[in-house]
Amino acid sequence: MTTHVLILCTHNSARSVLAEGMLNHLAQAGGHDVRAHSAGSAPSGRVNPFALEALGNAGVDVSGAASKSWDAFTAPDAPVMRIVITVCDNAASETCPFWPGSPVQVHWGYPDPSNADGGDAGKRRAFELTRQAIGYRMLQLLQLPLDRLDDSALRAELLRIARS
């Protein structure tokens, strides 16, 4: 059975898109039955071009990347999430909607690469470093025996990864 993971950031334009892309890419490459989704509480309606560039440079297919509202994942026909991860501090402090299935929720914070200094070159570097950091945690997530962990054990493992 597919493990669905929802990654949240306020605008769903940078960090959450990087995380969705990396988790789907790594899951597919490793033959894992995991599907990532991303959304935002106040979606910008566009994906940051530096996020698309960083993912594309890593060989990730970005053709379906889009900025979407988290409301899409509360609908009756939405996939049931096992895990919800916030990747920005604003989204972590917001009151999330009720997620069908009562998924395990954790926060894996990353600085916003959109705020990097140094013009376009500085932003490119910040997006690439953020993509690498997210990819490292996603690799750790994919090493977990997701089908054998109960919610309490899964939460403990996800919090351990957050500290890595």
C-alpha atoms as a PDB file:
ATOM      1  CA  MET A   1       0.000   0.000   0.000  1.00  0.00           C
ATOM      2  CA  THR A   2       1.354   3.402  -0.967  1.00  0.00           C
ATOM      3  CA  THR A   3       2.583   5.643   1.836  1.00  0.00           C
ATOM      4  CA  HIS A   4       1.431   9.207   1.114  1.00  0.00           C
ATOM      5  CA  VAL A   5       3.465  12.104   2.518  1.00  0.00           C
ATOM      6  CA  LEU A   6       2.228  15.706   2.488  1.00  0.00           C
ATOM      7  CA  ILE A   7       4.856  18.447   2.740  1.00  0.00           C
ATOM      8  CA  LEU A   8       3.635  21.892   3.768  1.00  0.00           C
ATOM      9  CA  CYS A   9       5.021  25.406   3.514  1.00  0.00           C
ATOM     10  CA  THR A  10       3.032  28.615   3.591  1.00  0.00           C
ATOM     11  CA  HIS A  11       3.357  29.551  -0.101  1.00  0.00           C
ATOM     12  CA  ASN A  12       4.155  26.121  -1.595  1.00  0.00           C
ATOM     13  CA  SER A  13       6.666  27.695  -3.940  1.00  0.00           C
ATOM     14  CA  ALA A  14      10.129  26.661  -2.732  1.00  0.00           C
ATOM     15  CA  ARG A  15      10.963  24.340   0.201  1.00  0.00           C
ATOM     16  CA  SER A  16       7.842  22.170   0.011  1.00  0.00           C
ATOM     17  CA  VAL A  17       8.226  21.863  -3.762  1.00  0.00           C
ATOM     18  CA  LEU A  18      11.875  20.855  -3.328  1.00  0.00           C
ATOM     19  CA  ALA A  19      10.828  18.237  -0.767  1.00  0.00           C
ATOM     20  CA  GLU A  20       8.009  16.842  -2.921  1.00  0.00           C
ATOM     21  CA  GLY A  21      10.272  16.581  -5.933  1.00  0.00           C
ATOM     22  CA  MET A  22      13.154  14.993  -4.061  1.00  0.00           C
ATOM     23  CA  LEU A  23      11.031  12.450  -2.187  1.00  0.00           C
ATOM     24  CA  ASN A  24       9.203  11.339  -5.332  1.00  0.00           C
ATOM     25  CA  HIS A  25      12.456  11.163  -7.295  1.00  0.00           C
ATOM     26  CA  LEU A  26      14.302   9.173  -4.634  1.00  0.00           C
ATOM     27  CA  ALA A  27      11.338   6.886  -3.946  1.00  0.00           C
ATOM     28  CA  GLN A  28      10.990   6.034  -7.610  1.00  0.00           C
ATOM     29  CA  ALA A  29      14.737   5.487  -8.055  1.00  0.00           C
ATOM     30  CA  GLY A  30      14.823   3.186  -5.016  1.00  0.00           C
ATOM     31  CA  GLY A  31      11.636   1.274  -5.805  1.00  0.00           C
ATOM     32  CA  HIS A  32       9.806   2.539  -2.693  1.00  0.00           C
ATOM     33  CA  ASP A  33       6.006   2.672  -2.627  1.00  0.00           C
ATOM     34  CA  VAL A  34       5.957   6.265  -1.353  1.00  0.00           C
ATOM     35  CA  ARG A  35       4.201   9.232  -2.943  1.00  0.00           C
ATOM     36  CA  ALA A  36       4.942  12.824  -1.926  1.00  0.00           C
ATOM     37  CA  HIS A  37       2.574  15.763  -2.315  1.00  0.00           C
ATOM     38  CA  SER A  38       3.083  19.405  -1.386  1.00  0.00           C
ATOM     39  CA  ALA A  39       0.760  22.260  -0.561  1.00  0.00           C
ATOM     40  CA  GLY A  40       0.538  25.590   1.206  1.00  0.00           C
ATOM     41  CA  SER A  41      -1.812  27.403   3.540  1.00  0.00           C
ATOM     42  CA  ALA A  42      -1.585  30.525   1.335  1.00  0.00           C
ATOM     43  CA  PRO A  43      -0.206  29.248  -1.976  1.00  0.00           C
ATOM     44  CA  SER A  44       1.548  31.785  -4.164  1.00  0.00           C
ATOM     45  CA  GLY A  45       0.179  30.246  -7.340  1.00  0.00           C
ATOM     46  CA  ARG A  46       3.661  29.868  -8.807  1.00  0.00           C
ATOM     47  CA  VAL A  47       6.708  27.752  -8.143  1.00  0.00           C
ATOM     48  CA  ASN A  48       9.944  29.626  -7.560  1.00  0.00           C
ATOM     49  CA  PRO A  49      12.095  29.257 -10.709  1.00  0.00           C
ATOM     50  CA  PHE A  50      15.207  28.649  -8.573  1.00  0.00           C
ATOM     51  CA  ALA A  51      13.451  25.625  -7.026  1.00  0.00           C
ATOM     52  CA  LEU A  52      12.669  24.260 -10.470  1.00  0.00           C
ATOM     53  CA  GLU A  53      16.261  24.874 -11.570  1.00  0.00           C
ATOM     54  CA  ALA A  54      17.747  23.111  -8.513  1.00  0.00           C
ATOM     55  CA  LEU A  55      15.466  20.105  -9.002  1.00  0.00           C
ATOM     56  CA  GLY A  56      16.097  19.974 -12.740  1.00  0.00           C
ATOM     57  CA  ASN A  57      19.861  20.106 -12.206  1.00  0.00           C
ATOM     58  CA  ALA A  58      19.484  17.057  -9.930  1.00  0.00           C
ATOM     59  CA  GLY A  59      17.626  15.126 -12.637  1.00  0.00           C
ATOM     60  CA  VAL A  60      14.188  15.519 -11.044  1.00  0.00           C
ATOM     61  CA  ASP A  61      11.201  15.742 -13.384  1.00  0.00           C
ATOM     62  CA  VAL A  62       9.537  19.090 -12.656  1.00  0.00           C
ATOM     63  CA  SER A  63       6.826  18.927 -15.319  1.00  0.00           C
ATOM     64  CA  GLY A  64       4.029  18.536 -12.749  1.00  0.00           C
ATOM     65  CA  ALA A  65       5.313  21.061 -10.207  1.00  0.00           C
ATOM     66  CA  ALA A  66       2.600  23.477  -9.086  1.00  0.00           C
ATOM     67  CA  SER A  67       1.735  25.669  -6.119  1.00  0.00           C
ATOM     68  CA  LYS A  68      -1.456  24.311  -4.515  1.00  0.00           C
ATOM     69  CA  SER A  69      -3.636  24.854  -1.476  1.00  0.00           C
ATOM     70  CA  TRP A  70      -3.682  22.396   1.374  1.00  0.00           C
ATOM     71  CA  ASP A  71      -7.477  22.407   1.029  1.00  0.00           C
ATOM     72  CA  ALA A  72      -7.084  19.982  -1.884  1.00  0.00           C
ATOM     73  CA  PHE A  73      -5.860  17.360   0.598  1.00  0.00           C
ATOM     74  CA  THR A  74      -8.844  17.636   2.941  1.00  0.00           C
ATOM     75  CA  ALA A  75     -11.350  16.698   0.226  1.00  0.00           C
ATOM     76  CA  PRO A  76     -13.098  13.312   0.447  1.00  0.00           C
ATOM     77  CA  ASP A  77     -11.352  12.054  -2.705  1.00  0.00           C
ATOM     78  CA  ALA A  78      -7.853  13.117  -1.548  1.00  0.00           C
ATOM     79  CA  PRO A  79      -5.283  10.420  -0.801  1.00  0.00           C
ATOM     80  CA  VAL A  80      -5.042   9.550   2.883  1.00  0.00           C
ATOM     81  CA  MET A  81      -1.741  10.846   4.249  1.00  0.00           C
ATOM     82  CA  ARG A  82       0.404   8.776   6.594  1.00  0.00           C
ATOM     83  CA  ILE A  83       2.854  11.632   7.233  1.00  0.00           C
ATOM     84  CA  VAL A  84       2.546  15.438   7.185  1.00  0.00           C
ATOM     85  CA  ILE A  85       5.806  17.408   7.319  1.00  0.00           C
ATOM     86  CA  THR A  86       6.014  21.187   7.659  1.00  0.00           C
ATOM     87  CA  VAL A  87       9.217  22.660   6.250  1.00  0.00           C
ATOM     88  CA  CYS A  88       8.812  26.332   7.172  1.00  0.00           C
ATOM     89  CA  ASP A  89       8.310  27.821  10.616  1.00  0.00           C
ATOM     90  CA  ASN A  90       5.217  29.793   9.577  1.00  0.00           C
ATOM     91  CA  ALA A  91       3.386  26.682   8.398  1.00  0.00           C
ATOM     92  CA  ALA A  92       4.461  24.818  11.538  1.00  0.00           C
ATOM     93  CA  SER A  93       2.829  27.444  13.745  1.00  0.00           C
ATOM     94  CA  GLU A  94      -0.428  27.544  11.783  1.00  0.00           C
ATOM     95  CA  THR A  95      -3.471  25.520  12.739  1.00  0.00           C
ATOM     96  CA  CYS A  96      -3.648  22.805  10.140  1.00  0.00           C
ATOM     97  CA  PRO A  97      -6.924  21.456   8.834  1.00  0.00           C
ATOM     98  CA  PHE A  98      -8.152  18.032   9.860  1.00  0.00           C
ATOM     99  CA  TRP A  99      -6.315  15.485   7.760  1.00  0.00           C
ATOM    100  CA  PRO A 100      -8.264  12.295   7.008  1.00  0.00           C
ATOM    101  CA  GLY A 101      -6.507   9.300   8.523  1.00  0.00           C
ATOM    102  CA  SER A 102      -4.892  11.306  11.364  1.00  0.00           C
ATOM    103  CA  PRO A 103      -1.358  11.267   9.915  1.00  0.00           C
ATOM    104  CA  VAL A 104       1.822  11.616  11.933  1.00  0.00           C
ATOM    105  CA  GLN A 105       2.815  15.303  11.868  1.00  0.00           C
ATOM    106  CA  VAL A 106       6.360  16.634  12.309  1.00  0.00           C
ATOM    107  CA  HIS A 107       8.340  19.788  11.561  1.00  0.00           C
ATOM    108  CA  TRP A 108      11.563  19.749   9.566  1.00  0.00           C
ATOM    109  CA  GLY A 109      12.486  23.433   9.330  1.00  0.00           C
ATOM    110  CA  TYR A 110      14.729  24.914   6.663  1.00  0.00           C
ATOM    111  CA  PRO A 111      15.679  28.572   6.138  1.00  0.00           C
ATOM    112  CA  ASP A 112      13.924  30.161   3.165  1.00  0.00           C
ATOM    113  CA  PRO A 113      16.394  30.060   0.255  1.00  0.00           C
ATOM    114  CA  SER A 114      14.384  32.821  -1.435  1.00  0.00           C
ATOM    115  CA  ASN A 115      15.802  35.230   1.144  1.00  0.00           C
ATOM    116  CA  ALA A 116      19.447  34.463   0.359  1.00  0.00           C
ATOM    117  CA  ASP A 117      21.842  37.332  -0.217  1.00  0.00           C
ATOM    118  CA  GLY A 118      24.132  37.609  -3.211  1.00  0.00           C
ATOM    119  CA  GLY A 119      21.706  38.136  -6.070  1.00  0.00           C
ATOM    120  CA  ASP A 120      20.820  35.284  -8.401  1.00  0.00           C
ATOM    121  CA  ALA A 121      24.079  33.415  -7.722  1.00  0.00           C
ATOM    122  CA  GLY A 122      23.428  33.516  -3.975  1.00  0.00           C
ATOM    123  CA  LYS A 123      19.874  32.293  -4.438  1.00  0.00           C
ATOM    124  CA  ARG A 124      20.998  29.459  -6.727  1.00  0.00           C
ATOM    125  CA  ARG A 125      23.505  28.348  -4.109  1.00  0.00           C
ATOM    126  CA  ALA A 126      20.930  28.578  -1.312  1.00  0.00           C
ATOM    127  CA  PHE A 127      18.369  26.574  -3.290  1.00  0.00           C
ATOM    128  CA  GLU A 128      20.935  23.907  -4.135  1.00  0.00           C
ATOM    129  CA  LEU A 129      22.060  23.603  -0.504  1.00  0.00           C
ATOM    130  CA  THR A 130      18.426  23.399   0.643  1.00  0.00           C
ATOM    131  CA  ARG A 131      17.697  20.739  -1.982  1.00  0.00           C
ATOM    132  CA  GLN A 132      20.667  18.699  -0.766  1.00  0.00           C
ATOM    133  CA  ALA A 133      19.640  19.007   2.902  1.00  0.00           C
ATOM    134  CA  ILE A 134      16.071  18.000   2.092  1.00  0.00           C
ATOM    135  CA  GLY A 135      17.290  15.119  -0.066  1.00  0.00           C
ATOM    136  CA  TYR A 136      19.407  13.807   2.807  1.00  0.00           C
ATOM    137  CA  ARG A 137      16.402  13.679   5.133  1.00  0.00           C
ATOM    138  CA  MET A 138      14.214  12.135   2.451  1.00  0.00           C
ATOM    139  CA  LEU A 139      16.766   9.364   1.968  1.00  0.00           C
ATOM    140  CA  GLN A 140      16.594   8.699   5.706  1.00  0.00           C
ATOM    141  CA  LEU A 141      12.793   8.639   5.588  1.00  0.00           C
ATOM    142  CA  LEU A 142      12.896   6.080   2.775  1.00  0.00           C
ATOM    143  CA  GLN A 143      15.116   3.798   4.871  1.00  0.00           C
ATOM    144  CA  LEU A 144      12.394   3.465   7.523  1.00  0.00           C
ATOM    145  CA  PRO A 145      10.223   0.324   7.536  1.00  0.00           C
ATOM    146  CA  LEU A 146       7.130   2.483   6.983  1.00  0.00           C
ATOM    147  CA  ASP A 147       4.770  -0.488   6.696  1.00  0.00           C
ATOM    148  CA  ARG A 148       5.884  -1.905  10.064  1.00  0.00           C
ATOM    149  CA  LEU A 149       6.074   1.200  12.265  1.00  0.00           C
ATOM    150  CA  ASP A 150       3.103   2.223  14.382  1.00  0.00           C
ATOM    151  CA  ASP A 151       2.375   5.949  14.615  1.00  0.00           C
ATOM    152  CA  SER A 152       4.308   6.444  17.846  1.00  0.00           C
ATOM    153  CA  ALA A 153       7.433   4.722  16.531  1.00  0.00           C
ATOM    154  CA  LEU A 154       7.132   6.523  13.193  1.00  0.00           C
ATOM    155  CA  ARG A 155       6.894   9.897  14.929  1.00  0.00           C
ATOM    156  CA  ALA A 156       9.979   9.080  17.028  1.00  0.00           C
ATOM    157  CA  GLU A 157      11.951   8.147  13.896  1.00  0.00           C
ATOM    158  CA  LEU A 158      10.837  11.275  12.022  1.00  0.00           C
ATOM    159  CA  LEU A 159      11.868  13.437  14.993  1.00  0.00           C
ATOM    160  CA  ARG A 160      15.239  11.661  15.050  1.00  0.00           C
ATOM    161  CA  ILE A 161      15.669  12.514  11.375  1.00  0.00           C
ATOM    162  CA  ALA A 162      14.749  16.136  12.141  1.00  0.00           C
ATOM    163  CA  ARG A 163      17.694  16.322  14.532  1.00  0.00           C
ATOM    164  CA  SER A 164      20.131  14.931  11.949  1.00  0.00           C
END
